[in-house]
């Protein structure tokens, strides 16, 4: 589980991939940030590999 800003979520996702995961699931849960799809749109640029 990752908590924090976009950088924290990105680091945690990359940690999972570096440990051998072939995918990482993301389920936004910040009640004060609007519906999940909006949060995913905000996080998407940080989660897409360079």
PDB file of N, CA and C in Angstrom:
ATOM      1  N   UNK A   1       0.847  -1.166   0.000  1.00  0.00           N
ATOM      2  CA  UNK A   1       0.000   0.000   0.000  1.00  0.00           C
ATOM      3  C   UNK A   1       0.893   1.229   0.000  1.00  0.00           C
ATOM      4  N   UNK A   2       0.532   2.177  -0.832  1.00  0.00           N
ATOM      5  CA  UNK A   2       1.288   3.431  -0.907  1.00  0.00           C
ATOM      6  C   UNK A   2       0.409   4.574  -0.432  1.00  0.00           C
ATOM      7  N   UNK A   3       1.000   5.443   0.323  1.00  0.00           N
ATOM      8  CA  UNK A   3       0.291   6.631   0.789  1.00  0.00           C
ATOM      9  C   UNK A   3       1.190   7.829   0.562  1.00  0.00           C
ATOM     10  N   UNK A   4       0.571   8.948   0.290  1.00  0.00           N
ATOM     11  CA  UNK A   4       1.351  10.168   0.121  1.00  0.00           C
ATOM     12  C   UNK A   4       1.095  10.822  -1.212  1.00  0.00           C
ATOM     13  N   UNK A   5       2.049  11.628  -1.618  1.00  0.00           N
ATOM     14  CA  UNK A   5       1.900  12.370  -2.864  1.00  0.00           C
ATOM     15  C   UNK A   5       2.246  11.485  -4.066  1.00  0.00           C
ATOM     16  N   UNK A   6       2.201  12.085  -5.250  1.00  0.00           N
ATOM     17  CA  UNK A   6       2.458  11.321  -6.474  1.00  0.00           C
ATOM     18  C   UNK A   6       3.827  10.653  -6.461  1.00  0.00           C
ATOM     19  N   UNK A   7       4.840  11.361  -5.960  1.00  0.00           N
ATOM     20  CA  UNK A   7       6.183  10.778  -5.919  1.00  0.00           C
ATOM     21  C   UNK A   7       6.246   9.559  -5.020  1.00  0.00           C
ATOM     22  N   UNK A   8       5.563   9.608  -3.880  1.00  0.00           N
ATOM     23  CA  UNK A   8       5.554   8.468  -2.966  1.00  0.00           C
ATOM     24  C   UNK A   8       4.863   7.267  -3.602  1.00  0.00           C
ATOM     25  N   UNK A   9       3.757   7.508  -4.293  1.00  0.00           N
ATOM     26  CA  UNK A   9       3.029   6.422  -4.955  1.00  0.00           C
ATOM     27  C   UNK A   9       3.885   5.840  -6.080  1.00  0.00           C
ATOM     28  N   UNK A  10       4.539   6.700  -6.847  1.00  0.00           N
ATOM     29  CA  UNK A  10       5.409   6.233  -7.931  1.00  0.00           C
ATOM     30  C   UNK A  10       6.547   5.370  -7.385  1.00  0.00           C
ATOM     31  N   UNK A  11       7.207   5.840  -6.334  1.00  0.00           N
ATOM     32  CA  UNK A  11       8.314   5.076  -5.751  1.00  0.00           C
ATOM     33  C   UNK A  11       7.849   3.707  -5.272  1.00  0.00           C
ATOM     34  N   UNK A  12       6.707   3.667  -4.603  1.00  0.00           N
ATOM     35  CA  UNK A  12       6.205   2.388  -4.075  1.00  0.00           C
ATOM     36  C   UNK A  12       5.874   1.426  -5.209  1.00  0.00           C
ATOM     37  N   UNK A  13       5.253   1.931  -6.263  1.00  0.00           N
ATOM     38  CA  UNK A  13       4.948   1.091  -7.421  1.00  0.00           C
ATOM     39  C   UNK A  13       6.212   0.555  -8.066  1.00  0.00           C
ATOM     40  N   UNK A  14       7.206   1.403  -8.214  1.00  0.00           N
ATOM     41  CA  UNK A  14       8.475   0.959  -8.812  1.00  0.00           C
ATOM     42  C   UNK A  14       9.208  -0.015  -7.907  1.00  0.00           C
ATOM     43  N   UNK A  15       9.068   0.142  -6.597  1.00  0.00           N
ATOM     44  CA  UNK A  15       9.655  -0.825  -5.659  1.00  0.00           C
ATOM     45  C   UNK A  15       9.059  -2.217  -5.884  1.00  0.00           C
ATOM     46  N   UNK A  16       7.748  -2.274  -6.071  1.00  0.00           N
ATOM     47  CA  UNK A  16       7.089  -3.562  -6.328  1.00  0.00           C
ATOM     48  C   UNK A  16       7.606  -4.181  -7.626  1.00  0.00           C
ATOM     49  N   UNK A  17       7.727  -3.372  -8.669  1.00  0.00           N
ATOM     50  CA  UNK A  17       8.223  -3.881  -9.952  1.00  0.00           C
ATOM     51  C   UNK A  17       9.669  -4.349  -9.836  1.00  0.00           C
ATOM     52  N   UNK A  18      10.483  -3.597  -9.110  1.00  0.00           N
ATOM     53  CA  UNK A  18      11.884  -3.985  -8.926  1.00  0.00           C
ATOM     54  C   UNK A  18      12.006  -5.289  -8.139  1.00  0.00           C
ATOM     55  N   UNK A  19      11.017  -5.564  -7.295  1.00  0.00           N
ATOM     56  CA  UNK A  19      11.037  -6.792  -6.498  1.00  0.00           C
ATOM     57  C   UNK A  19      10.500  -7.991  -7.273  1.00  0.00           C
ATOM     58  N   UNK A  20      10.115  -7.773  -8.537  1.00  0.00           N
ATOM     59  CA  UNK A  20       9.695  -8.893  -9.364  1.00  0.00           C
ATOM     60  C   UNK A  20       8.238  -8.896  -9.783  1.00  0.00           C
ATOM     61  N   UNK A  21       7.447  -7.934  -9.323  1.00  0.00           N
ATOM     62  CA  UNK A  21       6.037  -7.884  -9.740  1.00  0.00           C
ATOM     63  C   UNK A  21       5.960  -7.590 -11.238  1.00  0.00           C
ATOM     64  N   UNK A  22       4.976  -8.192 -11.913  1.00  0.00           N
ATOM     65  CA  UNK A  22       4.809  -7.886 -13.332  1.00  0.00           C
ATOM     66  C   UNK A  22       3.667  -6.898 -13.562  1.00  0.00           C
ATOM     67  N   UNK A  23       3.005  -6.485 -12.500  1.00  0.00           N
ATOM     68  CA  UNK A  23       1.986  -5.439 -12.565  1.00  0.00           C
ATOM     69  C   UNK A  23       1.750  -4.887 -11.163  1.00  0.00           C
ATOM     70  N   UNK A  24       1.173  -3.709 -11.122  1.00  0.00           N
ATOM     71  CA  UNK A  24       0.855  -3.068  -9.848  1.00  0.00           C
ATOM     72  C   UNK A  24      -0.563  -2.515  -9.953  1.00  0.00           C
ATOM     73  N   UNK A  25      -1.414  -2.862  -9.021  1.00  0.00           N
ATOM     74  CA  UNK A  25      -2.792  -2.356  -9.008  1.00  0.00           C
ATOM     75  C   UNK A  25      -2.843  -1.047  -8.226  1.00  0.00           C
ATOM     76  N   UNK A  26      -3.660  -0.130  -8.714  1.00  0.00           N
ATOM     77  CA  UNK A  26      -3.818   1.163  -8.054  1.00  0.00           C
ATOM     78  C   UNK A  26      -5.296   1.383  -7.769  1.00  0.00           C
ATOM     79  N   UNK A  27      -5.607   1.654  -6.520  1.00  0.00           N
ATOM     80  CA  UNK A  27      -6.987   1.943  -6.119  1.00  0.00           C
ATOM     81  C   UNK A  27      -6.958   3.185  -5.233  1.00  0.00           C
ATOM     82  N   UNK A  28      -7.291   4.338  -5.785  1.00  0.00           N
ATOM     83  CA  UNK A  28      -7.266   5.567  -4.991  1.00  0.00           C
ATOM     84  C   UNK A  28      -8.245   5.492  -3.833  1.00  0.00           C
ATOM     85  N   UNK A  29      -7.879   6.137  -2.744  1.00  0.00           N
ATOM     86  CA  UNK A  29      -8.753   6.071  -1.591  1.00  0.00           C
ATOM     87  C   UNK A  29      -8.825   7.355  -0.779  1.00  0.00           C
ATOM     88  N   UNK A  30      -8.384   8.468  -1.335  1.00  0.00           N
ATOM     89  CA  UNK A  30      -8.433   9.732  -0.598  1.00  0.00           C
ATOM     90  C   UNK A  30      -9.804  10.361  -0.740  1.00  0.00           C
ATOM     91  N   UNK A  31     -10.577  10.321   0.310  1.00  0.00           N
ATOM     92  CA  UNK A  31     -11.959  10.813   0.269  1.00  0.00           C
ATOM     93  C   UNK A  31     -12.036  12.299  -0.037  1.00  0.00           C
ATOM     94  N   UNK A  32     -11.024  13.046   0.331  1.00  0.00           N
ATOM     95  CA  UNK A  32     -11.065  14.495   0.123  1.00  0.00           C
ATOM     96  C   UNK A  32     -10.554  14.920  -1.253  1.00  0.00           C
ATOM     97  N   UNK A  33     -10.269  13.969  -2.151  1.00  0.00           N
ATOM     98  CA  UNK A  33      -9.713  14.303  -3.464  1.00  0.00           C
ATOM     99  C   UNK A  33     -10.675  14.014  -4.603  1.00  0.00           C
ATOM    100  N   UNK A  34     -11.924  13.748  -4.322  1.00  0.00           N
ATOM    101  CA  UNK A  34     -12.891  13.499  -5.383  1.00  0.00           C
ATOM    102  C   UNK A  34     -12.985  12.029  -5.723  1.00  0.00           C
ATOM    103  N   UNK A  35     -13.792  11.702  -6.742  1.00  0.00           N
ATOM    104  CA  UNK A  35     -14.001  10.298  -7.126  1.00  0.00           C
ATOM    105  C   UNK A  35     -12.708   9.639  -7.616  1.00  0.00           C
ATOM    106  N   UNK A  36     -12.647   8.329  -7.507  1.00  0.00           N
ATOM    107  CA  UNK A  36     -11.477   7.560  -7.922  1.00  0.00           C
ATOM    108  C   UNK A  36     -10.976   7.848  -9.318  1.00  0.00           C
ATOM    109  N   UNK A  37     -11.854   7.913 -10.340  1.00  0.00           N
ATOM    110  CA  UNK A  37     -11.354   8.172 -11.695  1.00  0.00           C
ATOM    111  C   UNK A  37     -10.593   9.492 -11.798  1.00  0.00           C
ATOM    112  N   UNK A  38     -11.027  10.512 -11.075  1.00  0.00           N
ATOM    113  CA  UNK A  38     -10.307  11.784 -11.100  1.00  0.00           C
ATOM    114  C   UNK A  38      -8.920  11.629 -10.496  1.00  0.00           C
ATOM    115  N   UNK A  39      -8.822  10.877  -9.413  1.00  0.00           N
ATOM    116  CA  UNK A  39      -7.523  10.642  -8.782  1.00  0.00           C
ATOM    117  C   UNK A  39      -6.609   9.853  -9.711  1.00  0.00           C
ATOM    118  N   UNK A  40      -7.165   8.858 -10.409  1.00  0.00           N
ATOM    119  CA  UNK A  40      -6.354   8.076 -11.341  1.00  0.00           C
ATOM    120  C   UNK A  40      -5.821   8.949 -12.470  1.00  0.00           C
ATOM    121  N   UNK A  41      -6.638   9.864 -12.975  1.00  0.00           N
ATOM    122  CA  UNK A  41      -6.181  10.778 -14.029  1.00  0.00           C
ATOM    123  C   UNK A  41      -5.031  11.642 -13.521  1.00  0.00           C
ATOM    124  N   UNK A  42      -5.116  12.084 -12.274  1.00  0.00           N
ATOM    125  CA  UNK A  42      -4.049  12.890 -11.697  1.00  0.00           C
ATOM    126  C   UNK A  42      -2.771  12.081 -11.508  1.00  0.00           C
ATOM    127  N   UNK A  43      -2.913  10.823 -11.101  1.00  0.00           N
ATOM    128  CA  UNK A  43      -1.744   9.974 -10.835  1.00  0.00           C
ATOM    129  C   UNK A  43      -1.126   9.373 -12.094  1.00  0.00           C
ATOM    130  N   UNK A  44      -1.897   9.238 -13.159  1.00  0.00           N
ATOM    131  CA  UNK A  44      -1.439   8.525 -14.358  1.00  0.00           C
ATOM    132  C   UNK A  44      -0.074   8.979 -14.852  1.00  0.00           C
ATOM    133  N   UNK A  45       0.184  10.280 -15.004  1.00  0.00           N
ATOM    134  CA  UNK A  45       1.509  10.679 -15.506  1.00  0.00           C
ATOM    135  C   UNK A  45       2.648  10.206 -14.608  1.00  0.00           C
ATOM    136  N   UNK A  46       2.417  10.122 -13.309  1.00  0.00           N
ATOM    137  CA  UNK A  46       3.459   9.681 -12.386  1.00  0.00           C
ATOM    138  C   UNK A  46       3.669   8.180 -12.429  1.00  0.00           C
ATOM    139  N   UNK A  47       2.644   7.442 -12.874  1.00  0.00           N
ATOM    140  CA  UNK A  47       2.710   5.978 -12.848  1.00  0.00           C
ATOM    141  C   UNK A  47       3.187   5.364 -14.154  1.00  0.00           C
ATOM    142  N   UNK A  48       3.129   6.113 -15.231  1.00  0.00           N
ATOM    143  CA  UNK A  48       3.550   5.590 -16.531  1.00  0.00           C
ATOM    144  C   UNK A  48       5.068   5.590 -16.570  1.00  0.00           C
ATOM    145  N   UNK A  49       5.632   4.459 -16.980  1.00  0.00           N
ATOM    146  CA  UNK A  49       7.088   4.342 -17.040  1.00  0.00           C
ATOM    147  C   UNK A  49       7.655   5.282 -18.080  1.00  0.00           C
ATOM    148  N   UNK A  50       8.826   5.807 -17.758  1.00  0.00           N
ATOM    149  CA  UNK A  50       9.532   6.715 -18.685  1.00  0.00           C
ATOM    150  C   UNK A  50      10.120   5.964 -19.835  1.00  0.00           C
TER     151      UNK A  50
END
